[in-house]
C-alpha atoms as a PDB file:
ATOM      1  CA  MET A   1      -1.841  24.583  -4.042  1.00  0.00           C
ATOM      2  CA  SER A   2       0.349  27.663  -3.712  1.00  0.00           C
ATOM      3  CA  ILE A   3       4.099  27.485  -3.983  1.00  0.00           C
ATOM      4  CA  ALA A   4       4.410  28.597  -0.338  1.00  0.00           C
ATOM      5  CA  SER A   5       2.424  25.596   0.888  1.00  0.00           C
ATOM      6  CA  ILE A   6       4.513  22.987  -0.916  1.00  0.00           C
ATOM      7  CA  VAL A   7       6.482  20.743   1.448  1.00  0.00           C
ATOM      8  CA  PRO A   8      10.003  20.149   0.085  1.00  0.00           C
ATOM      9  CA  LEU A   9      11.177  16.541   0.369  1.00  0.00           C
ATOM     10  CA  GLU A  10      14.081  17.172   2.720  1.00  0.00           C
ATOM     11  CA  ASP A  11      12.133  19.578   4.941  1.00  0.00           C
ATOM     12  CA  GLY A  12       9.239  17.162   5.290  1.00  0.00           C
ATOM     13  CA  TRP A  13      11.508  14.204   5.861  1.00  0.00           C
ATOM     14  CA  GLU A  14      13.492  16.075   8.513  1.00  0.00           C
ATOM     15  CA  LYS A  15      10.261  16.706  10.409  1.00  0.00           C
ATOM     16  CA  ILE A  16       9.191  13.045  10.153  1.00  0.00           C
ATOM     17  CA  LYS A  17      12.644  11.891  11.210  1.00  0.00           C
ATOM     18  CA  THR A  18      13.115  14.333  14.075  1.00  0.00           C
ATOM     19  CA  GLU A  19       9.615  14.363  15.545  1.00  0.00           C
ATOM     20  CA  GLY A  20       8.640  10.804  14.697  1.00  0.00           C
ATOM     21  CA  ILE A  21      11.377   8.287  13.936  1.00  0.00           C
ATOM     22  CA  LYS A  22      14.041   9.529  16.370  1.00  0.00           C
ATOM     23  CA  VAL A  23      11.491   9.850  19.180  1.00  0.00           C
ATOM     24  CA  LEU A  24      10.295   6.311  18.490  1.00  0.00           C
ATOM     25  CA  GLU A  25      13.830   4.920  18.387  1.00  0.00           C
ATOM     26  CA  GLU A  26      14.711   6.653  21.657  1.00  0.00           C
ATOM     27  CA  PHE A  27      11.702   4.986  23.280  1.00  0.00           C
ATOM     28  CA  LEU A  28      12.764   1.570  21.951  1.00  0.00           C
ATOM     29  CA  ASP A  29      16.347   2.064  23.128  1.00  0.00           C
ATOM     30  CA  THR A  30      15.735   3.645  26.537  1.00  0.00           C
ATOM     31  CA  GLY A  31      12.018   3.492  27.332  1.00  0.00           C
ATOM     32  CA  HIS A  32      11.945   7.302  27.512  1.00  0.00           C
ATOM     33  CA  ILE A  33       8.658   9.043  26.693  1.00  0.00           C
ATOM     34  CA  ARG A  34       8.234  12.825  26.672  1.00  0.00           C
ATOM     35  CA  GLN A  35       6.389  14.145  29.737  1.00  0.00           C
ATOM     36  CA  THR A  36       3.940  15.998  27.499  1.00  0.00           C
ATOM     37  CA  VAL A  37       2.485  12.718  26.193  1.00  0.00           C
ATOM     38  CA  PRO A  38      -0.651  11.785  28.182  1.00  0.00           C
ATOM     39  CA  GLN A  39      -0.777   8.195  29.456  1.00  0.00           C
ATOM     40  CA  THR A  40      -3.632   5.819  30.146  1.00  0.00           C
ATOM     41  CA  THR A  41      -4.348   4.909  33.759  1.00  0.00           C
ATOM     42  CA  ASP A  42      -4.805   1.244  32.788  1.00  0.00           C
ATOM     43  CA  PRO A  43      -1.478  -0.514  33.542  1.00  0.00           C
ATOM     44  CA  LYS A  44      -2.425  -3.373  31.182  1.00  0.00           C
ATOM     45  CA  LYS A  45      -2.479  -1.080  28.158  1.00  0.00           C
ATOM     46  CA  PRO A  46       0.747  -0.143  26.335  1.00  0.00           C
ATOM     47  CA  ARG A  47       2.173   3.292  26.989  1.00  0.00           C
ATOM     48  CA  ASN A  48       1.555   6.053  24.468  1.00  0.00           C
ATOM     49  CA  VAL A  49       4.770   7.066  22.728  1.00  0.00           C
ATOM     50  CA  PHE A  50       3.068   9.961  20.944  1.00  0.00           C
ATOM     51  CA  SER A  51       0.166  12.212  21.836  1.00  0.00           C
ATOM     52  CA  LYS A  52      -2.812  12.452  19.486  1.00  0.00           C
ATOM     53  CA  ALA A  53      -1.555  15.879  18.424  1.00  0.00           C
ATOM     54  CA  ASN A  54       1.965  14.528  17.699  1.00  0.00           C
ATOM     55  CA  TYR A  55       0.529  11.692  15.641  1.00  0.00           C
ATOM     56  CA  ALA A  56      -1.898  13.955  13.751  1.00  0.00           C
ATOM     57  CA  GLU A  57       0.905  16.349  12.831  1.00  0.00           C
ATOM     58  CA  LEU A  58       3.112  13.566  11.467  1.00  0.00           C
ATOM     59  CA  TYR A  59       0.215  11.977   9.598  1.00  0.00           C
ATOM     60  CA  THR A  60      -0.647  15.349   8.056  1.00  0.00           C
ATOM     61  CA  THR A  61       2.958  15.920   6.983  1.00  0.00           C
ATOM     62  CA  VAL A  62       3.006  12.583   5.158  1.00  0.00           C
ATOM     63  CA  TYR A  63      -0.439  13.272   3.689  1.00  0.00           C
ATOM     64  CA  ASN A  64       0.682  16.636   2.332  1.00  0.00           C
ATOM     65  CA  MET A  65       3.879  15.197   0.872  1.00  0.00           C
ATOM     66  CA  CYS A  66       1.902  12.441  -0.877  1.00  0.00           C
ATOM     67  CA  THR A  67      -0.854  14.639  -2.307  1.00  0.00           C
ATOM     68  CA  GLN A  68       1.259  17.385  -3.868  1.00  0.00           C
ATOM     69  CA  ARG A  69       1.312  17.456  -7.653  1.00  0.00           C
ATOM     70  CA  THR A  70       4.291  16.199  -9.614  1.00  0.00           C
ATOM     71  CA  PRO A  71       7.183  17.026  -9.395  1.00  0.00           C
ATOM     72  CA  ASN A  72       6.547  17.616  -5.683  1.00  0.00           C
ATOM     73  CA  ASN A  73       4.713  14.386  -4.951  1.00  0.00           C
ATOM     74  CA  TRP A  74       7.064  12.471  -2.675  1.00  0.00           C
ATOM     75  CA  SER A  75       5.164   9.172  -2.345  1.00  0.00           C
ATOM     76  CA  GLU A  76       7.858   7.071  -4.018  1.00  0.00           C
ATOM     77  CA  GLN A  77      10.632   8.686  -1.999  1.00  0.00           C
ATOM     78  CA  LEU A  78       8.758   8.244   1.287  1.00  0.00           C
ATOM     79  CA  TYR A  79       8.099   4.589   0.547  1.00  0.00           C
ATOM     80  CA  LYS A  80      11.821   4.054   0.024  1.00  0.00           C
ATOM     81  CA  ARG A  81      12.800   6.065   3.098  1.00  0.00           C
ATOM     82  CA  TYR A  82      10.350   4.123   5.283  1.00  0.00           C
ATOM     83  CA  GLY A  83      12.390   1.002   4.506  1.00  0.00           C
ATOM     84  CA  ASP A  84      15.744   2.768   4.667  1.00  0.00           C
ATOM     85  CA  ALA A  85      15.048   4.196   8.141  1.00  0.00           C
ATOM     86  CA  MET A  86      14.026   0.827   9.511  1.00  0.00           C
ATOM     87  CA  THR A  87      16.974  -0.953   7.886  1.00  0.00           C
ATOM     88  CA  ASP A  88      19.382   1.631   9.294  1.00  0.00           C
ATOM     89  CA  TYR A  89      17.981   1.149  12.797  1.00  0.00           C
ATOM     90  CA  VAL A  90      18.213  -2.657  12.836  1.00  0.00           C
ATOM     91  CA  GLN A  91      21.743  -2.560  11.443  1.00  0.00           C
ATOM     92  CA  ARG A  92      22.819   0.119  13.911  1.00  0.00           C
ATOM     93  CA  GLN A  93      21.102  -1.113  17.079  1.00  0.00           C
ATOM     94  CA  VAL A  94      19.656  -4.607  16.709  1.00  0.00           C
ATOM     95  CA  LEU A  95      22.389  -6.621  15.006  1.00  0.00           C
ATOM     96  CA  PRO A  96      25.143  -5.448  17.408  1.00  0.00           C
ATOM     97  CA  ALA A  97      22.923  -6.408  20.377  1.00  0.00           C
ATOM     98  CA  LEU A  98      22.584  -9.957  19.026  1.00  0.00           C
ATOM     99  CA  HIS A  99      26.215 -10.350  18.041  1.00  0.00           C
ATOM    100  CA  ASP A 100      28.042 -13.208  19.802  1.00  0.00           C
ATOM    101  CA  LYS A 101      24.950 -14.261  21.790  1.00  0.00           C
ATOM    102  CA  THR A 102      23.936 -17.911  21.863  1.00  0.00           C
ATOM    103  CA  ASP A 103      21.399 -20.196  23.546  1.00  0.00           C
ATOM    104  CA  ILE A 104      19.079 -18.585  26.128  1.00  0.00           C
ATOM    105  CA  ALA A 105      20.796 -15.180  25.905  1.00  0.00           C
ATOM    106  CA  LEU A 106      20.238 -15.121  22.140  1.00  0.00           C
ATOM    107  CA  MET A 107      16.600 -16.171  22.499  1.00  0.00           C
ATOM    108  CA  LYS A 108      15.882 -13.483  25.091  1.00  0.00           C
ATOM    109  CA  GLU A 109      17.575 -10.705  23.131  1.00  0.00           C
ATOM    110  CA  LEU A 110      15.975 -11.771  19.848  1.00  0.00           C
ATOM    111  CA  LEU A 111      12.498 -11.847  21.390  1.00  0.00           C
ATOM    112  CA  HIS A 112      13.076  -8.429  22.968  1.00  0.00           C
ATOM    113  CA  ARG A 113      14.246  -6.981  19.662  1.00  0.00           C
ATOM    114  CA  TRP A 114      11.332  -8.530  17.768  1.00  0.00           C
ATOM    115  CA  SER A 115       8.847  -7.108  20.292  1.00  0.00           C
ATOM    116  CA  ASN A 116      10.447  -3.696  19.790  1.00  0.00           C
ATOM    117  CA  HIS A 117      10.372  -4.062  16.020  1.00  0.00           C
ATOM    118  CA  LYS A 118       6.632  -4.725  16.065  1.00  0.00           C
ATOM    119  CA  ILE A 119       6.189  -1.459  17.979  1.00  0.00           C
ATOM    120  CA  TYR A 120       8.397   0.277  15.404  1.00  0.00           C
ATOM    121  CA  VAL A 121       6.306  -1.094  12.526  1.00  0.00           C
ATOM    122  CA  LYS A 122       3.023  -0.238  14.258  1.00  0.00           C
ATOM    123  CA  TRP A 123       3.902   3.446  14.683  1.00  0.00           C
ATOM    124  CA  MET A 124       5.546   3.806  11.282  1.00  0.00           C
ATOM    125  CA  ASP A 125       2.448   2.299   9.681  1.00  0.00           C
ATOM    126  CA  ARG A 126       0.338   4.908  11.492  1.00  0.00           C
ATOM    127  CA  PHE A 127       2.502   7.799  10.341  1.00  0.00           C
ATOM    128  CA  PHE A 128       2.508   6.533   6.752  1.00  0.00           C
ATOM    129  CA  THR A 129      -1.128   5.405   6.593  1.00  0.00           C
ATOM    130  CA  TYR A 130      -1.941   7.569   3.588  1.00  0.00           C
ATOM    131  CA  LEU A 131       1.069   6.221   1.690  1.00  0.00           C
ATOM    132  CA  ASP A 132      -0.057   2.667   2.417  1.00  0.00           C
ATOM    133  CA  ARG A 133      -3.653   3.372   1.463  1.00  0.00           C
ATOM    134  CA  TYR A 134      -2.990   4.901  -1.946  1.00  0.00           C
ATOM    135  CA  TYR A 135       0.591   4.656  -3.248  1.00  0.00           C
ATOM    136  CA  VAL A 136       1.027   1.006  -2.235  1.00  0.00           C
ATOM    137  CA  LYS A 137      -2.232  -0.030  -3.897  1.00  0.00           C
ATOM    138  CA  LEU A 138      -1.717   2.013  -7.055  1.00  0.00           C
ATOM    139  CA  GLN A 139       1.863   0.813  -7.532  1.00  0.00           C
ATOM    140  CA  SER A 140       1.181  -2.776  -6.391  1.00  0.00           C
ATOM    141  CA  VAL A 141       4.200  -2.720  -4.085  1.00  0.00           C
ATOM    142  CA  GLU A 142       4.616  -4.536  -0.782  1.00  0.00           C
ATOM    143  CA  PRO A 143       2.336  -3.135   1.970  1.00  0.00           C
ATOM    144  CA  LEU A 144       4.241  -1.196   4.618  1.00  0.00           C
ATOM    145  CA  HIS A 145       3.407  -3.634   7.422  1.00  0.00           C
ATOM    146  CA  ASN A 146       4.770  -6.568   5.407  1.00  0.00           C
ATOM    147  CA  ARG A 147       7.765  -4.504   4.326  1.00  0.00           C
ATOM    148  CA  GLY A 148       8.593  -3.778   7.956  1.00  0.00           C
ATOM    149  CA  TYR A 149       8.409  -7.469   8.835  1.00  0.00           C
ATOM    150  CA  THR A 150      10.431  -8.430   5.759  1.00  0.00           C
ATOM    151  CA  ILE A 151      13.196  -6.036   6.792  1.00  0.00           C
ATOM    152  CA  PHE A 152      13.493  -7.741  10.177  1.00  0.00           C
ATOM    153  CA  ASN A 153      13.481 -11.149   8.505  1.00  0.00           C
ATOM    154  CA  THR A 154      16.172 -10.381   5.933  1.00  0.00           C
ATOM    155  CA  GLN A 155      18.356  -8.054   7.996  1.00  0.00           C
ATOM    156  CA  VAL A 156      18.141  -9.729  11.415  1.00  0.00           C
ATOM    157  CA  PHE A 157      16.421 -13.095  11.594  1.00  0.00           C
ATOM    158  CA  GLN A 158      18.190 -14.712   8.657  1.00  0.00           C
ATOM    159  CA  VAL A 159      21.516 -13.701  10.205  1.00  0.00           C
ATOM    160  CA  CYS A 160      20.847 -15.563  13.473  1.00  0.00           C
ATOM    161  CA  ILE A 161      18.268 -18.152  12.408  1.00  0.00           C
ATOM    162  CA  LYS A 162      20.695 -21.090  12.526  1.00  0.00           C
ATOM    163  CA  ASP A 163      21.826 -20.276  16.079  1.00  0.00           C
ATOM    164  CA  THR A 164      18.235 -19.567  17.126  1.00  0.00           C
ATOM    165  CA  ARG A 165      17.047 -22.934  15.830  1.00  0.00           C
ATOM    166  CA  ALA A 166      19.925 -24.720  17.557  1.00  0.00           C
ATOM    167  CA  ALA A 167      19.092 -22.936  20.834  1.00  0.00           C
ATOM    168  CA  LEU A 168      15.434 -23.956  20.569  1.00  0.00           C
ATOM    169  CA  LEU A 169      16.268 -27.595  19.901  1.00  0.00           C
ATOM    170  CA  ARG A 170      18.668 -27.677  22.848  1.00  0.00           C
ATOM    171  CA  VAL A 171      16.206 -26.157  25.300  1.00  0.00           C
ATOM    172  CA  ILE A 172      13.393 -28.462  24.149  1.00  0.00           C
ATOM    173  CA  ASN A 173      15.630 -31.474  24.746  1.00  0.00           C
ATOM    174  CA  LEU A 174      16.402 -30.165  28.228  1.00  0.00           C
ATOM    175  CA  GLU A 175      12.686 -30.092  28.949  1.00  0.00           C
ATOM    176  CA  ARG A 176      12.342 -33.664  27.694  1.00  0.00           C
ATOM    177  CA  GLN A 177      15.043 -34.645  30.168  1.00  0.00           C
ATOM    178  CA  GLY A 178      13.025 -33.203  33.024  1.00  0.00           C
ATOM    179  CA  GLU A 179      14.520 -29.731  33.359  1.00  0.00           C
ATOM    180  CA  HIS A 180      12.269 -26.720  33.896  1.00  0.00           C
ATOM    181  CA  ILE A 181      12.412 -24.273  30.989  1.00  0.00           C
ATOM    182  CA  ASP A 182      10.866 -20.897  30.252  1.00  0.00           C
ATOM    183  CA  GLN A 183       8.012 -21.990  28.000  1.00  0.00           C
ATOM    184  CA  ASP A 184       6.889 -18.411  27.411  1.00  0.00           C
ATOM    185  CA  LEU A 185      10.332 -17.593  26.011  1.00  0.00           C
ATOM    186  CA  VAL A 186      10.275 -20.639  23.730  1.00  0.00           C
ATOM    187  CA  LYS A 187       6.739 -19.820  22.566  1.00  0.00           C
ATOM    188  CA  GLY A 188       7.709 -16.218  21.878  1.00  0.00           C
ATOM    189  CA  VAL A 189      10.699 -17.228  19.750  1.00  0.00           C
ATOM    190  CA  ILE A 190       8.689 -19.879  17.890  1.00  0.00           C
ATOM    191  CA  GLU A 191       6.090 -17.201  17.103  1.00  0.00           C
ATOM    192  CA  ILE A 192       8.771 -15.147  15.345  1.00  0.00           C
ATOM    193  CA  PHE A 193       9.027 -17.925  12.739  1.00  0.00           C
ATOM    194  CA  ILE A 194       5.238 -17.811  12.366  1.00  0.00           C
ATOM    195  CA  ASP A 195       4.867 -14.003  12.379  1.00  0.00           C
ATOM    196  CA  LEU A 196       7.565 -13.538   9.758  1.00  0.00           C
ATOM    197  CA  GLY A 197       5.752 -15.996   7.504  1.00  0.00           C
ATOM    198  CA  LEU A 198       3.220 -13.198   6.911  1.00  0.00           C
ATOM    199  CA  GLY A 199       0.181 -15.439   7.100  1.00  0.00           C
ATOM    200  CA  SER A 200       1.939 -18.605   5.943  1.00  0.00           C
ATOM    201  CA  VAL A 201       3.637 -21.318   8.013  1.00  0.00           C
ATOM    202  CA  ASN A 202       6.250 -21.903   5.303  1.00  0.00           C
ATOM    203  CA  LEU A 203       9.036 -20.181   7.240  1.00  0.00           C
ATOM    204  CA  TYR A 204       8.146 -22.126  10.391  1.00  0.00           C
ATOM    205  CA  ASN A 205       8.017 -25.376   8.409  1.00  0.00           C
ATOM    206  CA  THR A 206      11.270 -24.958   6.498  1.00  0.00           C
ATOM    207  CA  GLU A 207      13.412 -23.185   9.086  1.00  0.00           C
ATOM    208  CA  PHE A 208      12.239 -24.830  12.289  1.00  0.00           C
ATOM    209  CA  GLU A 209       9.989 -27.849  11.837  1.00  0.00           C
ATOM    210  CA  GLU A 210      12.152 -29.575   9.235  1.00  0.00           C
ATOM    211  CA  ALA A 211      14.963 -29.631  11.816  1.00  0.00           C
ATOM    212  CA  PHE A 212      12.725 -30.224  14.849  1.00  0.00           C
ATOM    213  CA  LEU A 213      11.016 -33.398  13.557  1.00  0.00           C
ATOM    214  CA  PRO A 214      14.191 -35.387  12.706  1.00  0.00           C
ATOM    215  CA  ALA A 215      15.830 -34.166  15.930  1.00  0.00           C
ATOM    216  CA  THR A 216      12.780 -35.423  17.825  1.00  0.00           C
ATOM    217  CA  SER A 217      12.996 -38.775  16.033  1.00  0.00           C
ATOM    218  CA  ASP A 218      16.707 -39.117  16.843  1.00  0.00           C
ATOM    219  CA  TYR A 219      16.088 -38.254  20.488  1.00  0.00           C
ATOM    220  CA  PHE A 220      13.376 -40.877  20.954  1.00  0.00           C
ATOM    221  CA  VAL A 221      15.261 -43.556  19.007  1.00  0.00           C
ATOM    222  CA  ARG A 222      18.037 -43.174  21.571  1.00  0.00           C
ATOM    223  CA  GLN A 223      15.560 -43.117  24.448  1.00  0.00           C
ATOM    224  CA  ALA A 224      13.669 -46.174  23.190  1.00  0.00           C
ATOM    225  CA  SER A 225      16.886 -48.122  22.801  1.00  0.00           C
ATOM    226  CA  GLY A 226      17.736 -47.441  26.435  1.00  0.00           C
ATOM    227  CA  TRP A 227      14.236 -48.293  27.652  1.00  0.00           C
ATOM    228  CA  LEU A 228      14.223 -51.604  25.773  1.00  0.00           C
ATOM    229  CA  SER A 229      17.547 -52.647  27.228  1.00  0.00           C
ATOM    230  CA  GLU A 230      16.765 -51.572  30.794  1.00  0.00           C
ATOM    231  CA  ASP A 231      13.011 -51.982  31.308  1.00  0.00           C
ATOM    232  CA  SER A 232      10.331 -54.608  31.051  1.00  0.00           C
ATOM    233  CA  PHE A 233       8.056 -54.401  28.038  1.00  0.00           C
ATOM    234  CA  PRO A 234       5.093 -53.011  30.032  1.00  0.00           C
ATOM    235  CA  GLU A 235       7.396 -50.371  31.525  1.00  0.00           C
ATOM    236  CA  TYR A 236       8.694 -49.563  28.037  1.00  0.00           C
ATOM    237  CA  LEU A 237       5.107 -49.052  26.812  1.00  0.00           C
ATOM    238  CA  ARG A 238       4.328 -46.844  29.802  1.00  0.00           C
ATOM    239  CA  LYS A 239       7.349 -44.644  29.139  1.00  0.00           C
ATOM    240  CA  ALA A 240       6.549 -44.445  25.421  1.00  0.00           C
ATOM    241  CA  GLU A 241       2.978 -43.366  26.126  1.00  0.00           C
ATOM    242  CA  GLU A 242       4.192 -40.834  28.676  1.00  0.00           C
ATOM    243  CA  ALA A 243       6.616 -39.410  26.115  1.00  0.00           C
ATOM    244  CA  LEU A 244       3.888 -39.118  23.469  1.00  0.00           C
ATOM    245  CA  ASN A 245       1.629 -37.293  25.904  1.00  0.00           C
ATOM    246  CA  ALA A 246       4.475 -34.926  26.792  1.00  0.00           C
ATOM    247  CA  GLU A 247       5.020 -34.142  23.106  1.00  0.00           C
ATOM    248  CA  ASP A 248       1.308 -33.348  22.715  1.00  0.00           C
ATOM    249  CA  GLN A 249       1.538 -30.979  25.675  1.00  0.00           C
ATOM    250  CA  ARG A 250       4.616 -29.397  24.115  1.00  0.00           C
ATOM    251  CA  VAL A 251       2.685 -28.613  20.929  1.00  0.00           C
ATOM    252  CA  ASN A 252      -0.108 -27.054  22.975  1.00  0.00           C
ATOM    253  CA  ALA A 253       2.361 -25.040  25.035  1.00  0.00           C
ATOM    254  CA  TYR A 254       4.562 -23.479  22.360  1.00  0.00           C
ATOM    255  CA  LEU A 255       4.614 -25.182  18.948  1.00  0.00           C
ATOM    256  CA  HIS A 256       2.308 -24.583  15.983  1.00  0.00           C
ATOM    257  CA  ARG A 257      -0.759 -26.824  15.995  1.00  0.00           C
ATOM    258  CA  THR A 258       0.117 -28.291  12.558  1.00  0.00           C
ATOM    259  CA  THR A 259       3.171 -29.952  14.120  1.00  0.00           C
ATOM    260  CA  GLN A 260       0.999 -32.245  16.241  1.00  0.00           C
ATOM    261  CA  VAL A 261      -0.045 -34.595  13.427  1.00  0.00           C
ATOM    262  CA  LYS A 262       3.503 -34.776  12.034  1.00  0.00           C
ATOM    263  CA  LEU A 263       4.929 -35.687  15.446  1.00  0.00           C
ATOM    264  CA  LYS A 264       2.886 -38.878  15.481  1.00  0.00           C
ATOM    265  CA  HIS A 265       4.808 -40.098  12.429  1.00  0.00           C
ATOM    266  CA  VAL A 266       8.347 -39.544  13.654  1.00  0.00           C
END
């Protein structure tokens, strides 16, 4: 490789940042896509944020920066900057948007921001594919996809997880009391716990289910006490069976399937 063809770190990063990251962030913030990017005619498919040529150019830039010989191999620096760019964005744009929100407003904003973050991770993973394929495996570091999810978990979700859990428990109780709720919203927020577990339900179990099950028990202890004092025994049994069926439907609608067995023991 000739000296003239070497991509300096800051020059290469400026190109990635300007033509890739900033364009992506503008789309997430405003929905704006450059007119030069061709779009599919299928309304069910997501819009293209980058053209094939845009993507190929960014991929090639990363490839070149990762295949140059030492001391001009920038794999380690790009791996770090991948995380730094994402962390900067969530601290600058996502956390302020969630600040002071509670209940349904918090759930809606959190789900919106998580949906955006998955788009962010998807495109960043595409740009940095070569880095993920070789540097990550050789160095045994966290894969880029997982790293992107971990950043959202540590920087965003852990900040609002207590309020999110409280909002979920409140809205589920409202449904138990006969109110109509947005089940798609609840399901979407519940899936954040599952998605951020990176293939494990541990986060869902410890941060949601361990609060949900005792709260469910407390709710039905209160309900059963009222039924016993007000209703005949056959009516009590009917209401209990109806409540159990409703909980089964709730699992099917928006909870993780592993919760179903545990609910029968509360």
